[in-house]
PDB file of N, CA and C in Angstrom:
ATOM      1  N   UNK A   1     -57.332   7.143  28.396  1.00  0.00           N
ATOM      2  CA  UNK A   1     -58.220   8.689  28.290  1.00  0.00           C
ATOM      3  C   UNK A   1     -57.327  10.335  27.975  1.00  0.00           C
ATOM      4  N   UNK A   2     -57.801  10.704  27.324  1.00  0.00           N
ATOM      5  CA  UNK A   2     -57.634  12.055  27.171  1.00  0.00           C
ATOM      6  C   UNK A   2     -57.981  13.127  28.332  1.00  0.00           C
ATOM      7  N   UNK A   3     -57.025  13.556  28.782  1.00  0.00           N
ATOM      8  CA  UNK A   3     -57.087  14.693  29.443  1.00  0.00           C
ATOM      9  C   UNK A   3     -57.672  16.073  29.342  1.00  0.00           C
ATOM     10  N   UNK A   4     -58.553  16.432  29.961  1.00  0.00           N
ATOM     11  CA  UNK A   4     -59.321  17.816  29.086  1.00  0.00           C
ATOM     12  C   UNK A   4     -57.736  18.941  29.689  1.00  0.00           C
ATOM     13  N   UNK A   5     -58.101  19.889  29.126  1.00  0.00           N
ATOM     14  CA  UNK A   5     -57.435  21.517  29.344  1.00  0.00           C
ATOM     15  C   UNK A   5     -58.257  21.832  29.796  1.00  0.00           C
ATOM     16  N   UNK A   6     -57.444  23.015  31.385  1.00  0.00           N
ATOM     17  CA  UNK A   6     -58.279  23.628  32.419  1.00  0.00           C
ATOM     18  C   UNK A   6     -58.851  24.797  31.395  1.00  0.00           C
ATOM     19  N   UNK A   7     -59.903  25.336  31.681  1.00  0.00           N
ATOM     20  CA  UNK A   7     -60.473  26.418  31.286  1.00  0.00           C
ATOM     21  C   UNK A   7     -60.905  27.664  32.457  1.00  0.00           C
ATOM     22  N   UNK A   8     -60.588  28.590  32.287  1.00  0.00           N
ATOM     23  CA  UNK A   8     -60.951  29.881  32.898  1.00  0.00           C
ATOM     24  C   UNK A   8     -62.338  30.220  32.253  1.00  0.00           C
ATOM     25  N   UNK A   9     -63.211  30.307  33.514  1.00  0.00           N
ATOM     26  CA  UNK A   9     -64.759  30.617  32.872  1.00  0.00           C
ATOM     27  C   UNK A   9     -65.393  32.014  34.275  1.00  0.00           C
ATOM     28  N   UNK A  10     -66.218  32.297  33.646  1.00  0.00           N
ATOM     29  CA  UNK A  10     -66.650  34.004  34.752  1.00  0.00           C
ATOM     30  C   UNK A  10     -67.526  33.777  35.760  1.00  0.00           C
ATOM     31  N   UNK A  11     -67.299  34.197  36.615  1.00  0.00           N
ATOM     32  CA  UNK A  11     -67.920  33.757  37.938  1.00  0.00           C
ATOM     33  C   UNK A  11     -68.506  35.286  38.398  1.00  0.00           C
ATOM     34  N   UNK A  12     -69.299  35.409  38.630  1.00  0.00           N
ATOM     35  CA  UNK A  12     -69.875  36.911  39.127  1.00  0.00           C
ATOM     36  C   UNK A  12     -70.324  36.490  40.701  1.00  0.00           C
ATOM     37  N   UNK A  13     -69.526  37.102  41.512  1.00  0.00           N
ATOM     38  CA  UNK A  13     -69.710  36.434  42.993  1.00  0.00           C
ATOM     39  C   UNK A  13     -70.427  37.871  43.911  1.00  0.00           C
ATOM     40  N   UNK A  14     -71.406  37.892  43.330  1.00  0.00           N
ATOM     41  CA  UNK A  14     -72.668  39.498  44.752  1.00  0.00           C
ATOM     42  C   UNK A  14     -72.579  38.592  46.908  1.00  0.00           C
ATOM     43  N   UNK A  15     -72.322  39.831  47.417  1.00  0.00           N
ATOM     44  CA  UNK A  15     -72.323  39.957  48.469  1.00  0.00           C
ATOM     45  C   UNK A  15     -73.949  40.424  49.218  1.00  0.00           C
ATOM     46  N   UNK A  16     -74.798  39.640  49.203  1.00  0.00           N
ATOM     47  CA  UNK A  16     -76.161  39.912  49.536  1.00  0.00           C
ATOM     48  C   UNK A  16     -76.807  40.556  51.085  1.00  0.00           C
ATOM     49  N   UNK A  17     -77.663  40.817  51.349  1.00  0.00           N
ATOM     50  CA  UNK A  17     -77.713  41.464  52.396  1.00  0.00           C
ATOM     51  C   UNK A  17     -77.598  40.855  53.816  1.00  0.00           C
ATOM     52  N   UNK A  18     -78.203  39.478  53.147  1.00  0.00           N
ATOM     53  CA  UNK A  18     -77.921  38.553  54.617  1.00  0.00           C
ATOM     54  C   UNK A  18     -76.760  37.752  54.866  1.00  0.00           C
ATOM     55  N   UNK A  19     -75.775  38.166  54.162  1.00  0.00           N
ATOM     56  CA  UNK A  19     -74.178  38.594  54.521  1.00  0.00           C
ATOM     57  C   UNK A  19     -73.809  36.830  53.931  1.00  0.00           C
ATOM     58  N   UNK A  20     -74.337  36.319  53.038  1.00  0.00           N
ATOM     59  CA  UNK A  20     -74.345  34.868  52.462  1.00  0.00           C
ATOM     60  C   UNK A  20     -74.200  35.780  50.980  1.00  0.00           C
ATOM     61  N   UNK A  21     -72.941  34.846  50.154  1.00  0.00           N
ATOM     62  CA  UNK A  21     -72.221  35.338  49.563  1.00  0.00           C
ATOM     63  C   UNK A  21     -73.075  34.492  47.880  1.00  0.00           C
ATOM     64  N   UNK A  22     -73.617  35.270  46.899  1.00  0.00           N
ATOM     65  CA  UNK A  22     -73.909  34.355  45.853  1.00  0.00           C
ATOM     66  C   UNK A  22     -73.583  34.445  44.487  1.00  0.00           C
ATOM     67  N   UNK A  23     -73.074  33.046  43.601  1.00  0.00           N
ATOM     68  CA  UNK A  23     -72.121  33.080  42.921  1.00  0.00           C
ATOM     69  C   UNK A  23     -72.693  32.164  41.656  1.00  0.00           C
ATOM     70  N   UNK A  24     -72.693  33.071  40.234  1.00  0.00           N
ATOM     71  CA  UNK A  24     -73.105  32.566  39.249  1.00  0.00           C
ATOM     72  C   UNK A  24     -72.161  32.307  38.163  1.00  0.00           C
ATOM     73  N   UNK A  25     -72.188  31.340  37.545  1.00  0.00           N
ATOM     74  CA  UNK A  25     -71.248  31.320  36.550  1.00  0.00           C
ATOM     75  C   UNK A  25     -72.231  31.293  34.822  1.00  0.00           C
ATOM     76  N   UNK A  26     -72.119  33.247  33.754  1.00  0.00           N
ATOM     77  CA  UNK A  26     -73.026  33.277  33.334  1.00  0.00           C
ATOM     78  C   UNK A  26     -73.388  32.810  32.261  1.00  0.00           C
ATOM     79  N   UNK A  27     -72.291  31.894  31.374  1.00  0.00           N
ATOM     80  CA  UNK A  27     -71.926  30.834  30.607  1.00  0.00           C
ATOM     81  C   UNK A  27     -72.567  29.614  30.274  1.00  0.00           C
ATOM     82  N   UNK A  28     -73.227  29.014  31.838  1.00  0.00           N
ATOM     83  CA  UNK A  28     -73.220  27.984  31.952  1.00  0.00           C
ATOM     84  C   UNK A  28     -75.086  28.082  32.416  1.00  0.00           C
ATOM     85  N   UNK A  29     -75.688  27.962  31.727  1.00  0.00           N
ATOM     86  CA  UNK A  29     -77.282  27.978  31.873  1.00  0.00           C
ATOM     87  C   UNK A  29     -77.465  26.764  33.796  1.00  0.00           C
ATOM     88  N   UNK A  30     -77.909  27.333  34.549  1.00  0.00           N
ATOM     89  CA  UNK A  30     -78.499  27.676  35.959  1.00  0.00           C
ATOM     90  C   UNK A  30     -77.345  26.818  37.000  1.00  0.00           C
ATOM     91  N   UNK A  31     -76.265  27.536  36.557  1.00  0.00           N
ATOM     92  CA  UNK A  31     -75.598  27.544  37.473  1.00  0.00           C
ATOM     93  C   UNK A  31     -74.976  28.960  38.190  1.00  0.00           C
ATOM     94  N   UNK A  32     -75.101  28.392  39.192  1.00  0.00           N
ATOM     95  CA  UNK A  32     -75.390  29.431  40.547  1.00  0.00           C
ATOM     96  C   UNK A  32     -75.201  28.658  41.734  1.00  0.00           C
ATOM     97  N   UNK A  33     -74.756  29.154  43.032  1.00  0.00           N
ATOM     98  CA  UNK A  33     -74.379  28.871  44.236  1.00  0.00           C
ATOM     99  C   UNK A  33     -74.187  29.532  45.357  1.00  0.00           C
ATOM    100  N   UNK A  34     -74.423  29.135  46.577  1.00  0.00           N
ATOM    101  CA  UNK A  34     -74.440  30.153  47.708  1.00  0.00           C
ATOM    102  C   UNK A  34     -73.814  29.844  49.251  1.00  0.00           C
ATOM    103  N   UNK A  35     -72.698  30.000  49.558  1.00  0.00           N
ATOM    104  CA  UNK A  35     -72.310  30.207  50.558  1.00  0.00           C
ATOM    105  C   UNK A  35     -71.649  31.488  51.962  1.00  0.00           C
ATOM    106  N   UNK A  36     -71.567  30.505  52.690  1.00  0.00           N
ATOM    107  CA  UNK A  36     -71.428  31.084  53.750  1.00  0.00           C
ATOM    108  C   UNK A  36     -70.601  32.606  54.069  1.00  0.00           C
ATOM    109  N   UNK A  37     -69.399  32.204  53.065  1.00  0.00           N
ATOM    110  CA  UNK A  37     -67.888  32.636  53.209  1.00  0.00           C
ATOM    111  C   UNK A  37     -67.668  32.996  52.067  1.00  0.00           C
ATOM    112  N   UNK A  38     -66.558  33.957  51.575  1.00  0.00           N
ATOM    113  CA  UNK A  38     -66.633  33.658  49.913  1.00  0.00           C
ATOM    114  C   UNK A  38     -65.528  32.550  49.201  1.00  0.00           C
ATOM    115  N   UNK A  39     -64.929  32.065  50.870  1.00  0.00           N
ATOM    116  CA  UNK A  39     -64.360  30.394  50.125  1.00  0.00           C
ATOM    117  C   UNK A  39     -65.126  29.486  49.953  1.00  0.00           C
ATOM    118  N   UNK A  40     -66.281  29.446  51.028  1.00  0.00           N
ATOM    119  CA  UNK A  40     -67.477  28.419  50.736  1.00  0.00           C
ATOM    120  C   UNK A  40     -67.954  28.658  49.324  1.00  0.00           C
ATOM    121  N   UNK A  41     -68.264  29.822  48.818  1.00  0.00           N
ATOM    122  CA  UNK A  41     -68.989  30.250  47.599  1.00  0.00           C
ATOM    123  C   UNK A  41     -68.172  29.680  46.675  1.00  0.00           C
ATOM    124  N   UNK A  42     -66.539  29.770  47.097  1.00  0.00           N
ATOM    125  CA  UNK A  42     -65.825  29.278  45.670  1.00  0.00           C
ATOM    126  C   UNK A  42     -65.948  27.963  45.232  1.00  0.00           C
ATOM    127  N   UNK A  43     -65.724  27.221  46.149  1.00  0.00           N
ATOM    128  CA  UNK A  43     -65.810  25.619  46.171  1.00  0.00           C
ATOM    129  C   UNK A  43     -67.141  24.981  45.643  1.00  0.00           C
ATOM    130  N   UNK A  44     -68.588  25.767  46.602  1.00  0.00           N
ATOM    131  CA  UNK A  44     -69.420  25.373  45.449  1.00  0.00           C
ATOM    132  C   UNK A  44     -69.979  25.790  44.254  1.00  0.00           C
ATOM    133  N   UNK A  45     -69.115  26.882  44.360  1.00  0.00           N
ATOM    134  CA  UNK A  45     -69.401  27.046  42.384  1.00  0.00           C
ATOM    135  C   UNK A  45     -68.642  25.841  41.979  1.00  0.00           C
ATOM    136  N   UNK A  46     -67.047  25.714  42.218  1.00  0.00           N
ATOM    137  CA  UNK A  46     -66.440  24.858  41.560  1.00  0.00           C
ATOM    138  C   UNK A  46     -67.466  23.766  40.976  1.00  0.00           C
ATOM    139  N   UNK A  47     -68.122  23.025  42.184  1.00  0.00           N
ATOM    140  CA  UNK A  47     -68.653  21.570  42.270  1.00  0.00           C
ATOM    141  C   UNK A  47     -70.125  22.079  41.789  1.00  0.00           C
ATOM    142  N   UNK A  48     -70.328  22.650  41.412  1.00  0.00           N
ATOM    143  CA  UNK A  48     -71.789  23.077  40.670  1.00  0.00           C
ATOM    144  C   UNK A  48     -70.970  22.941  38.905  1.00  0.00           C
ATOM    145  N   UNK A  49     -69.863  24.020  38.570  1.00  0.00           N
ATOM    146  CA  UNK A  49     -69.500  23.555  37.646  1.00  0.00           C
ATOM    147  C   UNK A  49     -68.979  22.422  37.217  1.00  0.00           C
ATOM    148  N   UNK A  50     -68.806  21.359  37.907  1.00  0.00           N
ATOM    149  CA  UNK A  50     -67.889  20.282  37.267  1.00  0.00           C
ATOM    150  C   UNK A  50     -69.065  19.391  36.668  1.00  0.00           C
ATOM    151  N   UNK A  51     -70.398  19.747  37.926  1.00  0.00           N
ATOM    152  CA  UNK A  51     -71.825  18.472  37.483  1.00  0.00           C
ATOM    153  C   UNK A  51     -71.994  19.133  36.416  1.00  0.00           C
ATOM    154  N   UNK A  52     -72.249  20.791  35.908  1.00  0.00           N
ATOM    155  CA  UNK A  52     -72.745  20.619  34.767  1.00  0.00           C
ATOM    156  C   UNK A  52     -72.215  20.451  33.875  1.00  0.00           C
ATOM    157  N   UNK A  53     -70.659  20.468  33.358  1.00  0.00           N
ATOM    158  CA  UNK A  53     -70.121  20.263  32.411  1.00  0.00           C
ATOM    159  C   UNK A  53     -69.907  18.452  32.083  1.00  0.00           C
ATOM    160  N   UNK A  54     -71.020  17.634  33.296  1.00  0.00           N
ATOM    161  CA  UNK A  54     -70.833  16.702  33.109  1.00  0.00           C
ATOM    162  C   UNK A  54     -71.691  15.962  31.502  1.00  0.00           C
ATOM    163  N   UNK A  55     -72.608  17.149  31.350  1.00  0.00           N
ATOM    164  CA  UNK A  55     -73.334  17.099  30.016  1.00  0.00           C
ATOM    165  C   UNK A  55     -72.126  17.437  28.634  1.00  0.00           C
ATOM    166  N   UNK A  56     -72.807  16.527  28.161  1.00  0.00           N
ATOM    167  CA  UNK A  56     -71.679  17.042  26.878  1.00  0.00           C
ATOM    168  C   UNK A  56     -72.206  18.384  26.001  1.00  0.00           C
ATOM    169  N   UNK A  57     -73.505  18.654  26.156  1.00  0.00           N
ATOM    170  CA  UNK A  57     -73.878  20.254  25.365  1.00  0.00           C
ATOM    171  C   UNK A  57     -73.238  20.741  25.758  1.00  0.00           C
ATOM    172  N   UNK A  58     -73.108  20.958  27.347  1.00  0.00           N
ATOM    173  CA  UNK A  58     -72.285  22.098  28.484  1.00  0.00           C
ATOM    174  C   UNK A  58     -70.936  22.101  27.962  1.00  0.00           C
ATOM    175  N   UNK A  59     -70.431  20.683  28.134  1.00  0.00           N
ATOM    176  CA  UNK A  59     -68.676  20.809  27.129  1.00  0.00           C
ATOM    177  C   UNK A  59     -68.224  21.731  26.455  1.00  0.00           C
ATOM    178  N   UNK A  60     -69.473  21.649  25.255  1.00  0.00           N
ATOM    179  CA  UNK A  60     -69.368  22.004  24.119  1.00  0.00           C
ATOM    180  C   UNK A  60     -69.449  23.465  24.287  1.00  0.00           C
ATOM    181  N   UNK A  61     -70.453  24.343  24.699  1.00  0.00           N
ATOM    182  CA  UNK A  61     -70.453  26.003  25.362  1.00  0.00           C
ATOM    183  C   UNK A  61     -68.894  26.395  25.507  1.00  0.00           C
ATOM    184  N   UNK A  62     -68.585  25.541  26.115  1.00  0.00           N
ATOM    185  CA  UNK A  62     -66.664  25.973  27.015  1.00  0.00           C
ATOM    186  C   UNK A  62     -65.846  25.765  26.066  1.00  0.00           C
ATOM    187  N   UNK A  63     -66.112  24.587  24.982  1.00  0.00           N
ATOM    188  CA  UNK A  63     -64.768  24.313  24.043  1.00  0.00           C
ATOM    189  C   UNK A  63     -63.887  25.538  23.750  1.00  0.00           C
ATOM    190  N   UNK A  64     -64.622  26.347  23.196  1.00  0.00           N
ATOM    191  CA  UNK A  64     -64.171  26.748  22.151  1.00  0.00           C
ATOM    192  C   UNK A  64     -63.187  28.444  22.610  1.00  0.00           C
ATOM    193  N   UNK A  65     -63.804  28.636  24.233  1.00  0.00           N
ATOM    194  CA  UNK A  65     -63.794  29.998  25.185  1.00  0.00           C
ATOM    195  C   UNK A  65     -62.413  29.716  25.408  1.00  0.00           C
ATOM    196  N   UNK A  66     -61.867  31.025  24.997  1.00  0.00           N
ATOM    197  CA  UNK A  66     -60.386  31.201  25.376  1.00  0.00           C
ATOM    198  C   UNK A  66     -60.239  32.862  26.313  1.00  0.00           C
ATOM    199  N   UNK A  67     -60.736  32.408  27.582  1.00  0.00           N
ATOM    200  CA  UNK A  67     -60.728  33.679  28.609  1.00  0.00           C
ATOM    201  C   UNK A  67     -59.942  33.113  29.485  1.00  0.00           C
ATOM    202  N   UNK A  68     -58.519  34.126  29.557  1.00  0.00           N
ATOM    203  CA  UNK A  68     -57.692  33.857  30.484  1.00  0.00           C
ATOM    204  C   UNK A  68     -57.904  35.537  31.973  1.00  0.00           C
ATOM    205  N   UNK A  69     -58.777  36.357  31.500  1.00  0.00           N
ATOM    206  CA  UNK A  69     -59.394  36.746  33.019  1.00  0.00           C
ATOM    207  C   UNK A  69     -60.216  37.795  32.665  1.00  0.00           C
ATOM    208  N   UNK A  70     -61.324  38.011  33.428  1.00  0.00           N
ATOM    209  CA  UNK A  70     -62.018  39.046  33.077  1.00  0.00           C
ATOM    210  C   UNK A  70     -61.878  39.833  34.585  1.00  0.00           C
ATOM    211  N   UNK A  71     -62.284  41.024  34.221  1.00  0.00           N
ATOM    212  CA  UNK A  71     -62.305  41.704  35.999  1.00  0.00           C
ATOM    213  C   UNK A  71     -63.883  42.435  35.870  1.00  0.00           C
ATOM    214  N   UNK A  72     -64.900  42.357  36.661  1.00  0.00           N
ATOM    215  CA  UNK A  72     -66.271  43.313  36.525  1.00  0.00           C
ATOM    216  C   UNK A  72     -65.752  44.000  38.513  1.00  0.00           C
ATOM    217  N   UNK A  73     -66.292  44.718  38.407  1.00  0.00           N
ATOM    218  CA  UNK A  73     -66.266  45.700  39.630  1.00  0.00           C
ATOM    219  C   UNK A  73     -67.219  46.358  39.579  1.00  0.00           C
ATOM    220  N   UNK A  74     -67.293  47.142  40.971  1.00  0.00           N
ATOM    221  CA  UNK A  74     -68.647  47.925  41.422  1.00  0.00           C
ATOM    222  C   UNK A  74     -67.797  49.488  41.465  1.00  0.00           C
ATOM    223  N   UNK A  75     -68.491  50.369  41.260  1.00  0.00           N
ATOM    224  CA  UNK A  75     -68.037  52.183  42.162  1.00  0.00           C
ATOM    225  C   UNK A  75     -69.347  52.427  42.922  1.00  0.00           C
ATOM    226  N   UNK A  76     -68.837  53.453  43.462  1.00  0.00           N
ATOM    227  CA  UNK A  76     -70.157  53.997  44.306  1.00  0.00           C
ATOM    228  C   UNK A  76     -70.031  55.341  43.755  1.00  0.00           C
ATOM    229  N   UNK A  77     -71.319  55.771  42.992  1.00  0.00           N
ATOM    230  CA  UNK A  77     -71.784  56.809  42.685  1.00  0.00           C
ATOM    231  C   UNK A  77     -72.455  57.605  43.167  1.00  0.00           C
TER     232      UNK A  77
END
């Protein structure tokens, strides 16, 4: 069996007013989760991504993706 190459996927994480972190992978439909801590949220989003990528159509979405780093930040204005 051919081992797949690791890919870097964009993840958006936001801390809500309730203190929970919400994570989303915007290139995969329905790929979001939450957690009490940032570490828990990152662990959860990795699990969700793995489940979503079990579907062939979703694997094709990221096949040609060649993203190494993406930074999104916020500023106070």
